[in-house]
Amino acid sequence: MTRPLEQAVAAIVCTFQEYAGRCGDKHKLCQAELKELLQKELPTWTPTEFRECDYNKFMSVLDTNKDCEVDFVEYVRSLACLCLYCHEYFKDCAPEPPCPQ
């Protein structure tokens, strides 16, 4: 039986692979692929009022090597930042019962 963290790693990799390559390079996300991934896979974290210029800004922040695409390292870095944000936000909340196994 796989553990939750193992499932999370698999989901991160599989989600990237599912969306990457539709615009060309199968190892990178173009802006349209990134936009679709965010809207479908992170709807709670993607504001519905996001405009095209907001996606442009987000893409420029993620695209650290400025090749107009997001590679796997840039993608994982963005998810790590999201995890850090969540940790900081929830660290002082009342403790919850342990996660079910």
PDB file of N, CA and C in Angstrom:
ATOM      1  N   MET A   1       0.846  -1.189   0.000  1.00  0.00           N
ATOM      2  CA  MET A   1       0.000   0.000   0.000  1.00  0.00           C
ATOM      3  C   MET A   1       0.886   1.245   0.000  1.00  0.00           C
ATOM      4  N   THR A   2       0.631   2.130  -0.930  1.00  0.00           N
ATOM      5  CA  THR A   2       1.442   3.336  -0.997  1.00  0.00           C
ATOM      6  C   THR A   2       1.024   4.322   0.086  1.00  0.00           C
ATOM      7  N   ARG A   3       1.984   5.052   0.539  1.00  0.00           N
ATOM      8  CA  ARG A   3       1.775   6.056   1.578  1.00  0.00           C
ATOM      9  C   ARG A   3       1.335   7.374   0.937  1.00  0.00           C
ATOM     10  N   PRO A   4       0.697   8.266   1.721  1.00  0.00           N
ATOM     11  CA  PRO A   4       0.206   9.529   1.167  1.00  0.00           C
ATOM     12  C   PRO A   4       1.290  10.367   0.479  1.00  0.00           C
ATOM     13  N   LEU A   5       2.482  10.408   1.047  1.00  0.00           N
ATOM     14  CA  LEU A   5       3.541  11.207   0.429  1.00  0.00           C
ATOM     15  C   LEU A   5       3.978  10.595  -0.902  1.00  0.00           C
ATOM     16  N   GLU A   6       4.024   9.281  -0.965  1.00  0.00           N
ATOM     17  CA  GLU A   6       4.342   8.611  -2.227  1.00  0.00           C
ATOM     18  C   GLU A   6       3.277   8.931  -3.277  1.00  0.00           C
ATOM     19  N   GLN A   7       2.027   8.928  -2.861  1.00  0.00           N
ATOM     20  CA  GLN A   7       0.929   9.259  -3.773  1.00  0.00           C
ATOM     21  C   GLN A   7       1.032  10.710  -4.242  1.00  0.00           C
ATOM     22  N   ALA A   8       1.435  11.584  -3.328  1.00  0.00           N
ATOM     23  CA  ALA A   8       1.570  12.998  -3.676  1.00  0.00           C
ATOM     24  C   ALA A   8       2.676  13.206  -4.709  1.00  0.00           C
ATOM     25  N   VAL A   9       3.807  12.535  -4.522  1.00  0.00           N
ATOM     26  CA  VAL A   9       4.910  12.646  -5.485  1.00  0.00           C
ATOM     27  C   VAL A   9       4.460  12.133  -6.852  1.00  0.00           C
ATOM     28  N   ALA A  10       3.802  10.990  -6.862  1.00  0.00           N
ATOM     29  CA  ALA A  10       3.305  10.430  -8.126  1.00  0.00           C
ATOM     30  C   ALA A  10       2.322  11.386  -8.793  1.00  0.00           C
ATOM     31  N   ALA A  11       1.453  12.008  -8.010  1.00  0.00           N
ATOM     32  CA  ALA A  11       0.474  12.949  -8.564  1.00  0.00           C
ATOM     33  C   ALA A  11       1.163  14.172  -9.167  1.00  0.00           C
ATOM     34  N   ILE A  12       2.203  14.668  -8.513  1.00  0.00           N
ATOM     35  CA  ILE A  12       2.945  15.823  -9.027  1.00  0.00           C
ATOM     36  C   ILE A  12       3.561  15.492 -10.380  1.00  0.00           C
ATOM     37  N   VAL A  13       4.227  14.345 -10.463  1.00  0.00           N
ATOM     38  CA  VAL A  13       4.883  13.939 -11.707  1.00  0.00           C
ATOM     39  C   VAL A  13       3.850  13.660 -12.799  1.00  0.00           C
ATOM     40  N   CYS A  14       2.843  12.879 -12.475  1.00  0.00           N
ATOM     41  CA  CYS A  14       1.830  12.502 -13.475  1.00  0.00           C
ATOM     42  C   CYS A  14       1.049  13.707 -13.987  1.00  0.00           C
ATOM     43  N   THR A  15       0.747  14.642 -13.105  1.00  0.00           N
ATOM     44  CA  THR A  15       0.012  15.834 -13.527  1.00  0.00           C
ATOM     45  C   THR A  15       0.839  16.654 -14.505  1.00  0.00           C
ATOM     46  N   PHE A  16       2.120  16.835 -14.208  1.00  0.00           N
ATOM     47  CA  PHE A  16       2.993  17.562 -15.135  1.00  0.00           C
ATOM     48  C   PHE A  16       3.027  16.862 -16.489  1.00  0.00           C
ATOM     49  N   GLN A  17       3.232  15.556 -16.468  1.00  0.00           N
ATOM     50  CA  GLN A  17       3.324  14.793 -17.716  1.00  0.00           C
ATOM     51  C   GLN A  17       2.016  14.818 -18.503  1.00  0.00           C
ATOM     52  N   GLU A  18       0.899  14.873 -17.805  1.00  0.00           N
ATOM     53  CA  GLU A  18      -0.402  14.914 -18.476  1.00  0.00           C
ATOM     54  C   GLU A  18      -0.584  16.194 -19.289  1.00  0.00           C
ATOM     55  N   TYR A  19      -0.108  17.316 -18.774  1.00  0.00           N
ATOM     56  CA  TYR A  19      -0.328  18.603 -19.432  1.00  0.00           C
ATOM     57  C   TYR A  19       0.822  19.032 -20.337  1.00  0.00           C
ATOM     58  N   ALA A  20       2.037  18.603 -20.058  1.00  0.00           N
ATOM     59  CA  ALA A  20       3.200  19.025 -20.840  1.00  0.00           C
ATOM     60  C   ALA A  20       3.181  18.385 -22.227  1.00  0.00           C
ATOM     61  N   GLY A  21       3.692  19.111 -23.189  1.00  0.00           N
ATOM     62  CA  GLY A  21       3.889  18.556 -24.518  1.00  0.00           C
ATOM     63  C   GLY A  21       2.796  18.818 -25.518  1.00  0.00           C
ATOM     64  N   ARG A  22       1.688  19.341 -25.103  1.00  0.00           N
ATOM     65  CA  ARG A  22       0.604  19.602 -26.060  1.00  0.00           C
ATOM     66  C   ARG A  22       0.980  20.709 -27.039  1.00  0.00           C
ATOM     67  N   CYS A  23       1.832  21.626 -26.587  1.00  0.00           N
ATOM     68  CA  CYS A  23       2.268  22.733 -27.449  1.00  0.00           C
ATOM     69  C   CYS A  23       3.602  22.446 -28.136  1.00  0.00           C
ATOM     70  N   GLY A  24       4.227  21.337 -27.804  1.00  0.00           N
ATOM     71  CA  GLY A  24       5.529  21.049 -28.407  1.00  0.00           C
ATOM     72  C   GLY A  24       6.374  20.153 -27.528  1.00  0.00           C
ATOM     73  N   ASP A  25       7.264  20.759 -26.744  1.00  0.00           N
ATOM     74  CA  ASP A  25       8.212  20.017 -25.911  1.00  0.00           C
ATOM     75  C   ASP A  25       7.473  19.250 -24.822  1.00  0.00           C
ATOM     76  N   LYS A  26       7.628  17.924 -24.812  1.00  0.00           N
ATOM     77  CA  LYS A  26       6.899  17.104 -23.839  1.00  0.00           C
ATOM     78  C   LYS A  26       7.467  17.198 -22.431  1.00  0.00           C
ATOM     79  N   HIS A  27       8.554  17.947 -22.283  1.00  0.00           N
ATOM     80  CA  HIS A  27       9.172  18.110 -20.968  1.00  0.00           C
ATOM     81  C   HIS A  27       8.950  19.508 -20.398  1.00  0.00           C
ATOM     82  N   LYS A  28       8.081  20.286 -21.051  1.00  0.00           N
ATOM     83  CA  LYS A  28       7.827  21.657 -20.603  1.00  0.00           C
ATOM     84  C   LYS A  28       6.359  22.008 -20.788  1.00  0.00           C
ATOM     85  N   LEU A  29       5.917  22.988 -20.010  1.00  0.00           N
ATOM     86  CA  LEU A  29       4.560  23.528 -20.128  1.00  0.00           C
ATOM     87  C   LEU A  29       4.631  24.885 -20.817  1.00  0.00           C
ATOM     88  N   CYS A  30       3.857  25.052 -21.878  1.00  0.00           N
ATOM     89  CA  CYS A  30       3.709  26.389 -22.445  1.00  0.00           C
ATOM     90  C   CYS A  30       2.667  27.121 -21.591  1.00  0.00           C
ATOM     91  N   GLN A  31       2.448  28.388 -21.876  1.00  0.00           N
ATOM     92  CA  GLN A  31       1.517  29.157 -21.047  1.00  0.00           C
ATOM     93  C   GLN A  31       0.102  28.586 -21.095  1.00  0.00           C
ATOM     94  N   ALA A  32      -0.351  28.138 -22.253  1.00  0.00           N
ATOM     95  CA  ALA A  32      -1.705  27.577 -22.362  1.00  0.00           C
ATOM     96  C   ALA A  32      -1.833  26.302 -21.534  1.00  0.00           C
ATOM     97  N   GLU A  33      -0.799  25.468 -21.550  1.00  0.00           N
ATOM     98  CA  GLU A  33      -0.816  24.233 -20.757  1.00  0.00           C
ATOM     99  C   GLU A  33      -0.809  24.547 -19.271  1.00  0.00           C
ATOM    100  N   LEU A  34       0.024  25.514 -18.877  1.00  0.00           N
ATOM    101  CA  LEU A  34       0.083  25.911 -17.470  1.00  0.00           C
ATOM    102  C   LEU A  34      -1.266  26.462 -17.011  1.00  0.00           C
ATOM    103  N   LYS A  35      -1.877  27.287 -17.834  1.00  0.00           N
ATOM    104  CA  LYS A  35      -3.183  27.866 -17.500  1.00  0.00           C
ATOM    105  C   LYS A  35      -4.220  26.767 -17.303  1.00  0.00           C
ATOM    106  N   GLU A  36      -4.259  25.796 -18.214  1.00  0.00           N
ATOM    107  CA  GLU A  36      -5.221  24.699 -18.099  1.00  0.00           C
ATOM    108  C   GLU A  36      -4.951  23.858 -16.856  1.00  0.00           C
ATOM    109  N   LEU A  37      -3.679  23.580 -16.584  1.00  0.00           N
ATOM    110  CA  LEU A  37      -3.312  22.815 -15.389  1.00  0.00           C
ATOM    111  C   LEU A  37      -3.795  23.534 -14.133  1.00  0.00           C
ATOM    112  N   LEU A  38      -3.528  24.820 -14.037  1.00  0.00           N
ATOM    113  CA  LEU A  38      -3.940  25.585 -12.854  1.00  0.00           C
ATOM    114  C   LEU A  38      -5.454  25.586 -12.688  1.00  0.00           C
ATOM    115  N   GLN A  39      -6.162  25.814 -13.785  1.00  0.00           N
ATOM    116  CA  GLN A  39      -7.622  25.890 -13.709  1.00  0.00           C
ATOM    117  C   GLN A  39      -8.254  24.550 -13.349  1.00  0.00           C
ATOM    118  N   LYS A  40      -7.709  23.463 -13.883  1.00  0.00           N
ATOM    119  CA  LYS A  40      -8.323  22.153 -13.661  1.00  0.00           C
ATOM    120  C   LYS A  40      -7.807  21.438 -12.420  1.00  0.00           C
ATOM    121  N   GLU A  41      -6.530  21.608 -12.107  1.00  0.00           N
ATOM    122  CA  GLU A  41      -5.921  20.835 -11.021  1.00  0.00           C
ATOM    123  C   GLU A  41      -5.803  21.606  -9.714  1.00  0.00           C
ATOM    124  N   LEU A  42      -5.815  22.917  -9.774  1.00  0.00           N
ATOM    125  CA  LEU A  42      -5.730  23.748  -8.564  1.00  0.00           C
ATOM    126  C   LEU A  42      -6.831  24.810  -8.572  1.00  0.00           C
ATOM    127  N   PRO A  43      -8.083  24.417  -8.770  1.00  0.00           N
ATOM    128  CA  PRO A  43      -9.139  25.426  -8.889  1.00  0.00           C
ATOM    129  C   PRO A  43      -9.340  26.257  -7.624  1.00  0.00           C
ATOM    130  N   THR A  44      -9.099  25.681  -6.467  1.00  0.00           N
ATOM    131  CA  THR A  44      -9.252  26.415  -5.209  1.00  0.00           C
ATOM    132  C   THR A  44      -8.191  27.497  -5.077  1.00  0.00           C
ATOM    133  N   TRP A  45      -7.024  27.270  -5.663  1.00  0.00           N
ATOM    134  CA  TRP A  45      -5.899  28.192  -5.544  1.00  0.00           C
ATOM    135  C   TRP A  45      -5.804  29.152  -6.722  1.00  0.00           C
ATOM    136  N   THR A  46      -6.622  28.957  -7.747  1.00  0.00           N
ATOM    137  CA  THR A  46      -6.588  29.818  -8.921  1.00  0.00           C
ATOM    138  C   THR A  46      -7.828  30.702  -8.913  1.00  0.00           C
ATOM    139  N   PRO A  47      -7.656  31.992  -8.669  1.00  0.00           N
ATOM    140  CA  PRO A  47      -8.821  32.874  -8.626  1.00  0.00           C
ATOM    141  C   PRO A  47      -9.601  32.843  -9.941  1.00  0.00           C
ATOM    142  N   THR A  48     -10.905  32.803  -9.842  1.00  0.00           N
ATOM    143  CA  THR A  48     -11.737  32.771 -11.046  1.00  0.00           C
ATOM    144  C   THR A  48     -11.643  34.081 -11.825  1.00  0.00           C
ATOM    145  N   GLU A  49     -11.244  35.141 -11.155  1.00  0.00           N
ATOM    146  CA  GLU A  49     -11.136  36.425 -11.843  1.00  0.00           C
ATOM    147  C   GLU A  49      -9.745  36.652 -12.447  1.00  0.00           C
ATOM    148  N   PHE A  50      -8.909  35.611 -12.479  1.00  0.00           N
ATOM    149  CA  PHE A  50      -7.598  35.703 -13.129  1.00  0.00           C
ATOM    150  C   PHE A  50      -7.801  36.113 -14.583  1.00  0.00           C
ATOM    151  N   ARG A  51      -7.101  37.140 -14.997  1.00  0.00           N
ATOM    152  CA  ARG A  51      -7.164  37.595 -16.386  1.00  0.00           C
ATOM    153  C   ARG A  51      -5.951  37.070 -17.141  1.00  0.00           C
ATOM    154  N   GLU A  52      -5.951  37.222 -18.431  1.00  0.00           N
ATOM    155  CA  GLU A  52      -4.822  36.740 -19.232  1.00  0.00           C
ATOM    156  C   GLU A  52      -3.525  37.406 -18.785  1.00  0.00           C
ATOM    157  N   CYS A  53      -3.587  38.687 -18.446  1.00  0.00           N
ATOM    158  CA  CYS A  53      -2.376  39.375 -17.992  1.00  0.00           C
ATOM    159  C   CYS A  53      -1.885  38.806 -16.660  1.00  0.00           C
ATOM    160  N   ASP A  54      -2.797  38.297 -15.827  1.00  0.00           N
ATOM    161  CA  ASP A  54      -2.387  37.661 -14.572  1.00  0.00           C
ATOM    162  C   ASP A  54      -1.625  36.369 -14.855  1.00  0.00           C
ATOM    163  N   TYR A  55      -2.103  35.600 -15.830  1.00  0.00           N
ATOM    164  CA  TYR A  55      -1.387  34.379 -16.220  1.00  0.00           C
ATOM    165  C   TYR A  55      -0.025  34.727 -16.815  1.00  0.00           C
ATOM    166  N   ASN A  56       0.042  35.822 -17.574  1.00  0.00           N
ATOM    167  CA  ASN A  56       1.327  36.255 -18.132  1.00  0.00           C
ATOM    168  C   ASN A  56       2.315  36.567 -17.016  1.00  0.00           C
ATOM    169  N   LYS A  57       1.856  37.286 -15.997  1.00  0.00           N
ATOM    170  CA  LYS A  57       2.729  37.628 -14.869  1.00  0.00           C
ATOM    171  C   LYS A  57       3.163  36.378 -14.115  1.00  0.00           C
ATOM    172  N   PHE A  58       2.219  35.486 -13.872  1.00  0.00           N
ATOM    173  CA  PHE A  58       2.522  34.246 -13.158  1.00  0.00           C
ATOM    174  C   PHE A  58       3.538  33.425 -13.941  1.00  0.00           C
ATOM    175  N   MET A  59       3.337  33.335 -15.248  1.00  0.00           N
ATOM    176  CA  MET A  59       4.259  32.597 -16.105  1.00  0.00           C
ATOM    177  C   MET A  59       5.653  33.207 -16.031  1.00  0.00           C
ATOM    178  N   SER A  60       5.751  34.516 -16.062  1.00  0.00           N
ATOM    179  CA  SER A  60       7.066  35.161 -16.039  1.00  0.00           C
ATOM    180  C   SER A  60       7.786  34.931 -14.713  1.00  0.00           C
ATOM    181  N   VAL A  61       7.030  34.797 -13.633  1.00  0.00           N
ATOM    182  CA  VAL A  61       7.641  34.499 -12.328  1.00  0.00           C
ATOM    183  C   VAL A  61       8.148  33.058 -12.291  1.00  0.00           C
ATOM    184  N   LEU A  62       7.352  32.125 -12.799  1.00  0.00           N
ATOM    185  CA  LEU A  62       7.755  30.714 -12.786  1.00  0.00           C
ATOM    186  C   LEU A  62       8.883  30.430 -13.758  1.00  0.00           C
ATOM    187  N   ASP A  63       8.884  31.091 -14.887  1.00  0.00           N
ATOM    188  CA  ASP A  63       9.846  30.823 -15.956  1.00  0.00           C
ATOM    189  C   ASP A  63      11.180  31.496 -15.647  1.00  0.00           C
ATOM    190  N   THR A  64      11.936  30.902 -14.738  1.00  0.00           N
ATOM    191  CA  THR A  64      13.168  31.535 -14.260  1.00  0.00           C
ATOM    192  C   THR A  64      14.264  31.596 -15.318  1.00  0.00           C
ATOM    193  N   ASN A  65      14.272  30.668 -16.281  1.00  0.00           N
ATOM    194  CA  ASN A  65      15.305  30.718 -17.324  1.00  0.00           C
ATOM    195  C   ASN A  65      14.846  31.506 -18.555  1.00  0.00           C
ATOM    196  N   LYS A  66      13.635  32.057 -18.503  1.00  0.00           N
ATOM    197  CA  LYS A  66      13.080  32.956 -19.527  1.00  0.00           C
ATOM    198  C   LYS A  66      13.057  32.339 -20.930  1.00  0.00           C
ATOM    199  N   ASP A  67      12.677  31.049 -21.003  1.00  0.00           N
ATOM    200  CA  ASP A  67      12.534  30.398 -22.308  1.00  0.00           C
ATOM    201  C   ASP A  67      11.067  30.336 -22.748  1.00  0.00           C
ATOM    202  N   CYS A  68      10.200  31.042 -22.029  1.00  0.00           N
ATOM    203  CA  CYS A  68       8.757  31.118 -22.322  1.00  0.00           C
ATOM    204  C   CYS A  68       8.039  29.796 -22.116  1.00  0.00           C
ATOM    205  N   GLU A  69       8.623  28.913 -21.328  1.00  0.00           N
ATOM    206  CA  GLU A  69       8.003  27.651 -20.951  1.00  0.00           C
ATOM    207  C   GLU A  69       8.385  27.342 -19.510  1.00  0.00           C
ATOM    208  N   VAL A  70       7.616  26.472 -18.875  1.00  0.00           N
ATOM    209  CA  VAL A  70       7.899  26.061 -17.500  1.00  0.00           C
ATOM    210  C   VAL A  70       8.344  24.609 -17.540  1.00  0.00           C
ATOM    211  N   ASP A  71       9.608  24.379 -17.152  1.00  0.00           N
ATOM    212  CA  ASP A  71      10.104  23.003 -17.119  1.00  0.00           C
ATOM    213  C   ASP A  71       9.742  22.363 -15.780  1.00  0.00           C
ATOM    214  N   PHE A  72      10.121  21.105 -15.610  1.00  0.00           N
ATOM    215  CA  PHE A  72       9.709  20.378 -14.411  1.00  0.00           C
ATOM    216  C   PHE A  72      10.281  21.006 -13.139  1.00  0.00           C
ATOM    217  N   VAL A  73      11.524  21.466 -13.195  1.00  0.00           N
ATOM    218  CA  VAL A  73      12.141  22.094 -12.014  1.00  0.00           C
ATOM    219  C   VAL A  73      11.376  23.358 -11.633  1.00  0.00           C
ATOM    220  N   GLU A  74      11.032  24.181 -12.611  1.00  0.00           N
ATOM    221  CA  GLU A  74      10.283  25.410 -12.329  1.00  0.00           C
ATOM    222  C   GLU A  74       8.892  25.087 -11.785  1.00  0.00           C
ATOM    223  N   TYR A  75       8.282  24.050 -12.318  1.00  0.00           N
ATOM    224  CA  TYR A  75       6.962  23.589 -11.855  1.00  0.00           C
ATOM    225  C   TYR A  75       7.030  23.122 -10.405  1.00  0.00           C
ATOM    226  N   VAL A  76       8.017  22.287 -10.086  1.00  0.00           N
ATOM    227  CA  VAL A  76       8.159  21.768  -8.719  1.00  0.00           C
ATOM    228  C   VAL A  76       8.489  22.901  -7.754  1.00  0.00           C
ATOM    229  N   ARG A  77       9.299  23.832  -8.195  1.00  0.00           N
ATOM    230  CA  ARG A  77       9.638  24.984  -7.352  1.00  0.00           C
ATOM    231  C   ARG A  77       8.370  25.759  -6.989  1.00  0.00           C
ATOM    232  N   SER A  78       7.457  25.914  -7.934  1.00  0.00           N
ATOM    233  CA  SER A  78       6.212  26.642  -7.647  1.00  0.00           C
ATOM    234  C   SER A  78       5.343  25.878  -6.658  1.00  0.00           C
ATOM    235  N   LEU A  79       5.307  24.545  -6.788  1.00  0.00           N
ATOM    236  CA  LEU A  79       4.537  23.738  -5.837  1.00  0.00           C
ATOM    237  C   LEU A  79       5.172  23.769  -4.450  1.00  0.00           C
ATOM    238  N   ALA A  80       6.499  23.791  -4.404  1.00  0.00           N
ATOM    239  CA  ALA A  80       7.182  23.892  -3.110  1.00  0.00           C
ATOM    240  C   ALA A  80       6.834  25.220  -2.436  1.00  0.00           C
ATOM    241  N   CYS A  81       6.787  26.291  -3.204  1.00  0.00           N
ATOM    242  CA  CYS A  81       6.400  27.596  -2.643  1.00  0.00           C
ATOM    243  C   CYS A  81       4.970  27.566  -2.129  1.00  0.00           C
ATOM    244  N   LEU A  82       4.085  26.897  -2.846  1.00  0.00           N
ATOM    245  CA  LEU A  82       2.701  26.759  -2.397  1.00  0.00           C
ATOM    246  C   LEU A  82       2.644  25.982  -1.086  1.00  0.00           C
ATOM    247  N   CYS A  83       3.440  24.921  -0.980  1.00  0.00           N
ATOM    248  CA  CYS A  83       3.490  24.134   0.265  1.00  0.00           C
ATOM    249  C   CYS A  83       4.018  24.979   1.423  1.00  0.00           C
ATOM    250  N   LEU A  84       5.050  25.775   1.165  1.00  0.00           N
ATOM    251  CA  LEU A  84       5.589  26.654   2.208  1.00  0.00           C
ATOM    252  C   LEU A  84       4.541  27.659   2.672  1.00  0.00           C
ATOM    253  N   TYR A  85       3.824  28.231   1.721  1.00  0.00           N
ATOM    254  CA  TYR A  85       2.757  29.178   2.052  1.00  0.00           C
ATOM    255  C   TYR A  85       1.706  28.503   2.933  1.00  0.00           C
ATOM    256  N   CYS A  86       1.286  27.308   2.542  1.00  0.00           N
ATOM    257  CA  CYS A  86       0.276  26.575   3.327  1.00  0.00           C
ATOM    258  C   CYS A  86       0.789  26.259   4.727  1.00  0.00           C
ATOM    259  N   HIS A  87       2.037  25.835   4.810  1.00  0.00           N
ATOM    260  CA  HIS A  87       2.618  25.519   6.115  1.00  0.00           C
ATOM    261  C   HIS A  87       2.617  26.754   7.015  1.00  0.00           C
ATOM    262  N   GLU A  88       3.063  27.875   6.484  1.00  0.00           N
ATOM    263  CA  GLU A  88       3.095  29.111   7.266  1.00  0.00           C
ATOM    264  C   GLU A  88       1.686  29.531   7.686  1.00  0.00           C
ATOM    265  N   TYR A  89       0.753  29.392   6.788  1.00  0.00           N
ATOM    266  CA  TYR A  89      -0.618  29.809   7.064  1.00  0.00           C
ATOM    267  C   TYR A  89      -1.259  28.957   8.157  1.00  0.00           C
ATOM    268  N   PHE A  90      -1.044  27.643   8.106  1.00  0.00           N
ATOM    269  CA  PHE A  90      -1.738  26.731   9.009  1.00  0.00           C
ATOM    270  C   PHE A  90      -0.942  26.327  10.251  1.00  0.00           C
ATOM    271  N   LYS A  91       0.303  26.740  10.378  1.00  0.00           N
ATOM    272  CA  LYS A  91       1.135  26.231  11.471  1.00  0.00           C
ATOM    273  C   LYS A  91       0.644  26.642  12.858  1.00  0.00           C
ATOM    274  N   ASP A  92      -0.057  27.737  12.971  1.00  0.00           N
ATOM    275  CA  ASP A  92      -0.544  28.175  14.279  1.00  0.00           C
ATOM    276  C   ASP A  92      -2.009  27.822  14.525  1.00  0.00           C
ATOM    277  N   CYS A  93      -2.593  27.052  13.626  1.00  0.00           N
ATOM    278  CA  CYS A  93      -3.984  26.620  13.805  1.00  0.00           C
ATOM    279  C   CYS A  93      -4.058  25.550  14.882  1.00  0.00           C
ATOM    280  N   ALA A  94      -5.235  25.413  15.457  1.00  0.00           N
ATOM    281  CA  ALA A  94      -5.435  24.369  16.469  1.00  0.00           C
ATOM    282  C   ALA A  94      -5.126  23.005  15.860  1.00  0.00           C
ATOM    283  N   PRO A  95      -4.488  22.137  16.644  1.00  0.00           N
ATOM    284  CA  PRO A  95      -4.143  20.818  16.100  1.00  0.00           C
ATOM    285  C   PRO A  95      -5.386  20.012  15.749  1.00  0.00           C
ATOM    286  N   GLU A  96      -5.287  19.327  14.654  1.00  0.00           N
ATOM    287  CA  GLU A  96      -6.351  18.437  14.191  1.00  0.00           C
ATOM    288  C   GLU A  96      -5.989  17.019  14.608  1.00  0.00           C
ATOM    289  N   PRO A  97      -6.966  16.146  14.643  1.00  0.00           N
ATOM    290  CA  PRO A  97      -6.626  14.744  14.890  1.00  0.00           C
ATOM    291  C   PRO A  97      -5.715  14.241  13.775  1.00  0.00           C
ATOM    292  N   PRO A  98      -4.923  13.210  14.044  1.00  0.00           N
ATOM    293  CA  PRO A  98      -4.014  12.697  13.010  1.00  0.00           C
ATOM    294  C   PRO A  98      -4.779  12.307  11.748  1.00  0.00           C
ATOM    295  N   CYS A  99      -4.090  12.421  10.623  1.00  0.00           N
ATOM    296  CA  CYS A  99      -4.692  12.031   9.344  1.00  0.00           C
ATOM    297  C   CYS A  99      -5.009  10.544   9.365  1.00  0.00           C
ATOM    298  N   PRO A 100      -6.112  10.154   8.740  1.00  0.00           N
ATOM    299  CA  PRO A 100      -6.437   8.721   8.696  1.00  0.00           C
ATOM    300  C   PRO A 100      -5.394   7.966   7.885  1.00  0.00           C
ATOM    301  N   GLN A 101      -5.124   6.783   8.296  1.00  0.00           N
ATOM    302  CA  GLN A 101      -4.117   5.959   7.597  1.00  0.00           C
ATOM    303  C   GLN A 101      -4.714   5.156   6.504  1.00  0.00           C
TER     304      GLN A 101
END
